[in-house]
Structures are given as C-alpha cells and as structure tokens.
Amino acid sequence: MKMIPLTHLDVIDSETGQINVVVETPRGSRNKMKYDPERNVFLLHRVLPLGSVFPLDFGFAPSTAAEDGDPLDILVLMDDPAFPGNLVQARIIGAIMANQTEKGKTTRNDRLIAVAGLCQEYEKVRELGDLNESVVAQIEHFFISYNELAGKKFEPIGRADAKQARKLLDEAAERHKPKRQERQR
C-alpha cells in the first residue's frame, strides 16, 4: 500500500468542516522541524538561539501551495503543545499577511492563525481581533526575528479576519491542484 505524503491530505476535514493542520514544530520548541514529503519524515531544519522558541504550534495546511511554493503556514492556538506529525483539526480566525524577502526576491508568505477544534482555553475565539493585541504583535515580532536570523526579511503588511483568511486558504488550495495533477500522471 502506497503512503500518501502528509502534504496531500485533504485540506478540509469532511466530517467536521474544519481545516486539517499538520504540526511541524510544537509551541515552546527551539527545534524547527520541517516535513520532507519525499521521505515522509520530519527533519531538524534549524535550532533557534537560546531564549527563542516558537510561540504557537506551527505547521501547514495540506493540499495547499503558498506563493512561495510551500504548503500554507498555519499557527495553531491549543491548550498544550502537539508534536511533529500531529494532525489537528482547527478553525481559522485570521492571518498575518506578510512579504518575505530572500536574496533580493520578495514573495507573499502569510501566516494563517487557527484555534484547535478541541481547544478549551480559546474556544470562544472566533476572530483574530478576539485575541489580545499583544499576542498578535508578539507573533509578528517572532517571525521578524526568526527570519532575520536566517538572513531573510519578514515584513507584516496587514492582518486578515477569519473570512479573508479562509479566502487565502482557498486560493492556496487552488494553486496546489495543478501540482497534485502533475504528480498523479
């Protein structure tokens, strides 16, 4: 039986209607993990400096392609950290829209933000604006610093509400379709 790469799972869970998120790096980790679909494993991609950790669980939406070609990045608010490879069903509450510049080339590299479907601590959060402003500002600051350490520039250009963020997800799912059809040939 051939294994389907996690990047090709359905983006929307057919039973719950929530988005599927594959966690790569758990909240509180200095180790940045990255999924390798060719080998179907999680690789240690980077180690953050002492005192710097991921503020939320970080992963991707399967069957999507962001403008940089990678699956769409998603941060998940949860009661406790998950682990690499954990599939979490979540609801989108918004996005941090951003440009990322590397080697003189700038692309959009948004960060969707979601709440785990079974989360109790954030169960009433439906929109990015429901979060304390300092939480969102800290997430933006984390990605500015994280990218700076990698020689990249991350520039937040706006914030999206849940409806706008869902549109970003739908666009990324559409971008992925041609890639998926090519691989099936």
C-alpha atoms as a PDB file:
ATOM      1  CA  MET A   1       0.000   0.000   0.000  1.00  0.00           C
ATOM      2  CA  LYS A   2       1.460   3.324  -1.078  1.00  0.00           C
ATOM      3  CA  MET A   3       1.670   6.001   1.620  1.00  0.00           C
ATOM      4  CA  ILE A   4       0.177   9.391   0.786  1.00  0.00           C
ATOM      5  CA  PRO A   5       2.506  12.240   1.785  1.00  0.00           C
ATOM      6  CA  LEU A   6       1.053  14.417   4.536  1.00  0.00           C
ATOM      7  CA  THR A   7       1.213  17.340   2.124  1.00  0.00           C
ATOM      8  CA  HIS A   8      -1.546  15.634   0.077  1.00  0.00           C
ATOM      9  CA  LEU A   9      -4.127  15.005   2.786  1.00  0.00           C
ATOM     10  CA  ASP A  10      -7.411  16.858   2.387  1.00  0.00           C
ATOM     11  CA  VAL A  11      -7.211  20.479   3.497  1.00  0.00           C
ATOM     12  CA  ILE A  12     -10.755  20.354   4.900  1.00  0.00           C
ATOM     13  CA  ASP A  13     -11.932  17.509   7.134  1.00  0.00           C
ATOM     14  CA  SER A  14     -15.077  16.091   5.504  1.00  0.00           C
ATOM     15  CA  GLU A  15     -16.736  15.227   8.843  1.00  0.00           C
ATOM     16  CA  THR A  16     -16.132  18.430  10.815  1.00  0.00           C
ATOM     17  CA  GLY A  17     -15.679  21.019   8.074  1.00  0.00           C
ATOM     18  CA  GLN A  18     -12.587  22.255   9.920  1.00  0.00           C
ATOM     19  CA  ILE A  19      -9.172  22.665   8.325  1.00  0.00           C
ATOM     20  CA  ASN A  20      -6.543  19.990   8.749  1.00  0.00           C
ATOM     21  CA  VAL A  21      -3.216  21.234  10.058  1.00  0.00           C
ATOM     22  CA  VAL A  22      -0.074  19.100  10.131  1.00  0.00           C
ATOM     23  CA  VAL A  23       2.057  20.270  13.055  1.00  0.00           C
ATOM     24  CA  GLU A  24       5.768  20.517  12.248  1.00  0.00           C
ATOM     25  CA  THR A  25       7.057  22.413  15.278  1.00  0.00           C
ATOM     26  CA  PRO A  26       5.363  22.451  18.695  1.00  0.00           C
ATOM     27  CA  ARG A  27       4.865  25.578  20.783  1.00  0.00           C
ATOM     28  CA  GLY A  28       7.816  26.204  23.087  1.00  0.00           C
ATOM     29  CA  SER A  29      10.342  24.370  20.906  1.00  0.00           C
ATOM     30  CA  ARG A  30      13.702  25.735  19.818  1.00  0.00           C
ATOM     31  CA  ASN A  31      13.956  22.970  17.215  1.00  0.00           C
ATOM     32  CA  LYS A  32      12.351  23.951  13.899  1.00  0.00           C
ATOM     33  CA  MET A  33      11.167  20.784  12.225  1.00  0.00           C
ATOM     34  CA  LYS A  34      10.311  20.543   8.532  1.00  0.00           C
ATOM     35  CA  TYR A  35       8.328  17.817   6.815  1.00  0.00           C
ATOM     36  CA  ASP A  36      10.085  16.062   3.914  1.00  0.00           C
ATOM     37  CA  PRO A  37       7.353  14.562   1.676  1.00  0.00           C
ATOM     38  CA  GLU A  38       9.867  12.562  -0.400  1.00  0.00           C
ATOM     39  CA  ARG A  39      10.983  10.541   2.646  1.00  0.00           C
ATOM     40  CA  ASN A  40       7.775  11.038   4.682  1.00  0.00           C
ATOM     41  CA  VAL A  41       9.764  12.151   7.751  1.00  0.00           C
ATOM     42  CA  PHE A  42      10.247  15.274   9.844  1.00  0.00           C
ATOM     43  CA  LEU A  43      13.752  16.682   9.648  1.00  0.00           C
ATOM     44  CA  LEU A  44      15.501  19.012  12.056  1.00  0.00           C
ATOM     45  CA  HIS A  45      15.651  22.163   9.928  1.00  0.00           C
ATOM     46  CA  ARG A  46      17.040  24.769  12.347  1.00  0.00           C
ATOM     47  CA  VAL A  47      17.795  25.316  16.007  1.00  0.00           C
ATOM     48  CA  LEU A  48      16.772  28.685  17.395  1.00  0.00           C
ATOM     49  CA  PRO A  49      19.122  30.564  19.731  1.00  0.00           C
ATOM     50  CA  LEU A  50      18.783  30.119  23.461  1.00  0.00           C
ATOM     51  CA  GLY A  51      15.770  32.060  24.727  1.00  0.00           C
ATOM     52  CA  SER A  52      13.908  31.966  21.418  1.00  0.00           C
ATOM     53  CA  VAL A  53      11.039  29.483  20.970  1.00  0.00           C
ATOM     54  CA  PHE A  54       8.023  29.045  18.736  1.00  0.00           C
ATOM     55  CA  PRO A  55       5.104  30.997  20.272  1.00  0.00           C
ATOM     56  CA  LEU A  56       2.395  28.617  18.969  1.00  0.00           C
ATOM     57  CA  ASP A  57       2.244  25.227  17.311  1.00  0.00           C
ATOM     58  CA  PHE A  58       3.471  25.773  13.751  1.00  0.00           C
ATOM     59  CA  GLY A  59       2.587  23.670  10.747  1.00  0.00           C
ATOM     60  CA  PHE A  60       0.988  23.642   7.346  1.00  0.00           C
ATOM     61  CA  ALA A  61      -2.311  23.130   5.579  1.00  0.00           C
ATOM     62  CA  PRO A  62      -2.060  20.015   3.386  1.00  0.00           C
ATOM     63  CA  SER A  63      -3.016  20.211  -0.285  1.00  0.00           C
ATOM     64  CA  THR A  64      -2.183  23.914  -0.446  1.00  0.00           C
ATOM     65  CA  ALA A  65       0.578  25.918  -2.099  1.00  0.00           C
ATOM     66  CA  ALA A  66       1.504  29.360  -0.834  1.00  0.00           C
ATOM     67  CA  GLU A  67       3.030  31.890  -3.209  1.00  0.00           C
ATOM     68  CA  ASP A  68       6.500  30.642  -2.234  1.00  0.00           C
ATOM     69  CA  GLY A  69       5.538  27.131  -3.425  1.00  0.00           C
ATOM     70  CA  ASP A  70       5.491  25.557   0.040  1.00  0.00           C
ATOM     71  CA  PRO A  71       2.283  24.488   1.774  1.00  0.00           C
ATOM     72  CA  LEU A  72       0.488  27.368   3.511  1.00  0.00           C
ATOM     73  CA  ASP A  73       1.864  28.093   7.006  1.00  0.00           C
ATOM     74  CA  ILE A  74      -0.538  27.915   9.936  1.00  0.00           C
ATOM     75  CA  LEU A  75      -0.120  28.687  13.624  1.00  0.00           C
ATOM     76  CA  VAL A  76      -2.487  26.880  15.974  1.00  0.00           C
ATOM     77  CA  LEU A  77      -3.685  28.021  19.383  1.00  0.00           C
ATOM     78  CA  MET A  78      -4.047  24.957  21.600  1.00  0.00           C
ATOM     79  CA  ASP A  79      -4.238  24.145  25.314  1.00  0.00           C
ATOM     80  CA  ASP A  80      -0.940  22.208  25.232  1.00  0.00           C
ATOM     81  CA  PRO A  81       1.696  21.745  22.537  1.00  0.00           C
ATOM     82  CA  ALA A  82       1.231  18.981  19.986  1.00  0.00           C
ATOM     83  CA  PHE A  83       4.120  17.063  18.417  1.00  0.00           C
ATOM     84  CA  PRO A  84       5.620  16.888  14.921  1.00  0.00           C
ATOM     85  CA  GLY A  85       3.301  14.947  12.629  1.00  0.00           C
ATOM     86  CA  ASN A  86       0.187  15.503  14.714  1.00  0.00           C
ATOM     87  CA  LEU A  87      -2.891  16.176  12.564  1.00  0.00           C
ATOM     88  CA  VAL A  88      -5.006  18.866  14.226  1.00  0.00           C
ATOM     89  CA  GLN A  89      -8.439  19.963  13.074  1.00  0.00           C
ATOM     90  CA  ALA A  90      -8.891  23.688  13.579  1.00  0.00           C
ATOM     91  CA  ARG A  91     -10.934  26.740  12.656  1.00  0.00           C
ATOM     92  CA  ILE A  92      -9.294  29.749  11.021  1.00  0.00           C
ATOM     93  CA  ILE A  93      -9.542  33.003  12.980  1.00  0.00           C
ATOM     94  CA  GLY A  94      -7.376  35.221  10.789  1.00  0.00           C
ATOM     95  CA  ALA A  95      -3.982  35.755   9.228  1.00  0.00           C
ATOM     96  CA  ILE A  96      -0.893  37.883   9.396  1.00  0.00           C
ATOM     97  CA  MET A  97      -0.262  38.933   5.814  1.00  0.00           C
ATOM     98  CA  ALA A  98       3.406  39.433   5.060  1.00  0.00           C
ATOM     99  CA  ASN A  99       6.084  39.828   2.439  1.00  0.00           C
ATOM    100  CA  GLN A 100       9.248  37.815   2.802  1.00  0.00           C
ATOM    101  CA  THR A 101      12.462  38.823   1.068  1.00  0.00           C
ATOM    102  CA  GLU A 102      15.323  36.415   0.473  1.00  0.00           C
ATOM    103  CA  LYS A 103      18.297  37.033  -1.807  1.00  0.00           C
ATOM    104  CA  GLY A 104      16.614  40.131  -3.234  1.00  0.00           C
ATOM    105  CA  LYS A 105      13.396  38.289  -4.184  1.00  0.00           C
ATOM    106  CA  THR A 106      10.174  39.221  -2.372  1.00  0.00           C
ATOM    107  CA  THR A 107       7.160  36.904  -2.167  1.00  0.00           C
ATOM    108  CA  ARG A 108       3.996  36.845  -0.098  1.00  0.00           C
ATOM    109  CA  ASN A 109       4.371  34.483   2.855  1.00  0.00           C
ATOM    110  CA  ASP A 110       1.258  34.807   5.012  1.00  0.00           C
ATOM    111  CA  ARG A 111       0.726  33.080   8.359  1.00  0.00           C
ATOM    112  CA  LEU A 112      -2.775  31.804   8.978  1.00  0.00           C
ATOM    113  CA  ILE A 113      -3.837  31.599  12.603  1.00  0.00           C
ATOM    114  CA  ALA A 114      -6.310  28.990  13.809  1.00  0.00           C
ATOM    115  CA  VAL A 115      -7.754  27.546  17.013  1.00  0.00           C
ATOM    116  CA  ALA A 116      -7.706  23.784  17.522  1.00  0.00           C
ATOM    117  CA  GLY A 117     -11.246  22.399  17.346  1.00  0.00           C
ATOM    118  CA  LEU A 118     -10.919  20.671  20.710  1.00  0.00           C
ATOM    119  CA  CYS A 119      -9.230  23.617  22.422  1.00  0.00           C
ATOM    120  CA  GLN A 120     -10.864  24.718  25.653  1.00  0.00           C
ATOM    121  CA  GLU A 121      -8.759  27.770  26.524  1.00  0.00           C
ATOM    122  CA  TYR A 122      -9.526  29.604  23.260  1.00  0.00           C
ATOM    123  CA  GLU A 123     -12.906  28.014  22.429  1.00  0.00           C
ATOM    124  CA  LYS A 124     -14.673  31.406  22.301  1.00  0.00           C
ATOM    125  CA  VAL A 125     -12.094  32.998  19.984  1.00  0.00           C
ATOM    126  CA  ARG A 126     -13.612  33.329  16.510  1.00  0.00           C
ATOM    127  CA  GLU A 127     -11.599  36.223  15.037  1.00  0.00           C
ATOM    128  CA  LEU A 128      -8.022  37.460  15.261  1.00  0.00           C
ATOM    129  CA  GLY A 129      -9.411  40.602  16.913  1.00  0.00           C
ATOM    130  CA  ASP A 130     -10.676  38.471  19.824  1.00  0.00           C
ATOM    131  CA  LEU A 131      -7.059  37.903  20.878  1.00  0.00           C
ATOM    132  CA  ASN A 132      -5.171  40.390  22.999  1.00  0.00           C
ATOM    133  CA  GLU A 133      -3.315  42.775  20.659  1.00  0.00           C
ATOM    134  CA  SER A 134      -0.021  41.985  22.397  1.00  0.00           C
ATOM    135  CA  VAL A 135      -0.341  38.290  21.439  1.00  0.00           C
ATOM    136  CA  VAL A 136      -0.615  39.099  17.729  1.00  0.00           C
ATOM    137  CA  ALA A 137       2.190  41.667  17.964  1.00  0.00           C
ATOM    138  CA  GLN A 138       4.434  39.085  19.640  1.00  0.00           C
ATOM    139  CA  ILE A 139       3.724  36.570  16.862  1.00  0.00           C
ATOM    140  CA  GLU A 140       4.654  39.178  14.249  1.00  0.00           C
ATOM    141  CA  HIS A 141       7.823  40.053  16.167  1.00  0.00           C
ATOM    142  CA  PHE A 142       8.772  36.366  16.414  1.00  0.00           C
ATOM    143  CA  PHE A 143       8.623  35.918  12.633  1.00  0.00           C
ATOM    144  CA  ILE A 144      10.522  39.156  12.006  1.00  0.00           C
ATOM    145  CA  SER A 145      13.322  37.940  14.315  1.00  0.00           C
ATOM    146  CA  TYR A 146      13.176  34.320  13.130  1.00  0.00           C
ATOM    147  CA  ASN A 147      13.614  35.345   9.505  1.00  0.00           C
ATOM    148  CA  GLU A 148      16.300  37.903  10.326  1.00  0.00           C
ATOM    149  CA  LEU A 149      18.381  35.105  11.893  1.00  0.00           C
ATOM    150  CA  ALA A 150      18.071  33.201   8.591  1.00  0.00           C
ATOM    151  CA  GLY A 151      19.151  36.209   6.516  1.00  0.00           C
ATOM    152  CA  LYS A 152      15.615  36.963   5.346  1.00  0.00           C
ATOM    153  CA  LYS A 153      13.283  39.890   5.858  1.00  0.00           C
ATOM    154  CA  PHE A 154       9.732  39.280   7.076  1.00  0.00           C
ATOM    155  CA  GLU A 155       7.524  42.343   6.769  1.00  0.00           C
ATOM    156  CA  PRO A 156       3.942  42.210   8.079  1.00  0.00           C
ATOM    157  CA  ILE A 157       1.739  44.165   5.655  1.00  0.00           C
ATOM    158  CA  GLY A 158      -1.646  43.644   7.265  1.00  0.00           C
ATOM    159  CA  ARG A 159      -3.986  41.382   9.161  1.00  0.00           C
ATOM    160  CA  ALA A 160      -6.922  39.419   7.848  1.00  0.00           C
ATOM    161  CA  ASP A 161     -10.123  38.442   9.618  1.00  0.00           C
ATOM    162  CA  ALA A 162     -11.439  34.860   9.519  1.00  0.00           C
ATOM    163  CA  LYS A 163     -13.325  35.353   6.232  1.00  0.00           C
ATOM    164  CA  GLN A 164     -10.330  36.921   4.475  1.00  0.00           C
ATOM    165  CA  ALA A 165      -8.031  34.215   5.861  1.00  0.00           C
ATOM    166  CA  ARG A 166     -10.352  31.499   4.539  1.00  0.00           C
ATOM    167  CA  LYS A 167     -10.081  33.140   1.114  1.00  0.00           C
ATOM    168  CA  LEU A 168      -6.263  32.929   1.383  1.00  0.00           C
ATOM    169  CA  LEU A 169      -6.631  29.217   2.234  1.00  0.00           C
ATOM    170  CA  ASP A 170      -8.970  28.610  -0.718  1.00  0.00           C
ATOM    171  CA  GLU A 171      -6.558  30.379  -3.101  1.00  0.00           C
ATOM    172  CA  ALA A 172      -3.660  28.256  -1.807  1.00  0.00           C
ATOM    173  CA  ALA A 173      -5.742  25.084  -2.312  1.00  0.00           C
ATOM    174  CA  GLU A 174      -6.432  26.148  -5.916  1.00  0.00           C
ATOM    175  CA  ARG A 175      -2.702  26.782  -6.519  1.00  0.00           C
ATOM    176  CA  HIS A 176      -1.957  23.251  -5.292  1.00  0.00           C
ATOM    177  CA  LYS A 177      -4.358  21.496  -7.702  1.00  0.00           C
ATOM    178  CA  PRO A 178      -2.119  21.709 -10.812  1.00  0.00           C
ATOM    179  CA  LYS A 179       0.851  20.390  -8.804  1.00  0.00           C
ATOM    180  CA  ARG A 180      -1.214  17.470  -7.497  1.00  0.00           C
ATOM    181  CA  GLN A 181      -2.448  16.609 -11.006  1.00  0.00           C
ATOM    182  CA  GLU A 182       1.145  16.646 -12.355  1.00  0.00           C
ATOM    183  CA  ARG A 183       2.289  14.189  -9.659  1.00  0.00           C
ATOM    184  CA  GLN A 184      -0.579  11.808 -10.406  1.00  0.00           C
ATOM    185  CA  ARG A 185       0.475  11.450 -14.071  1.00  0.00           C
END
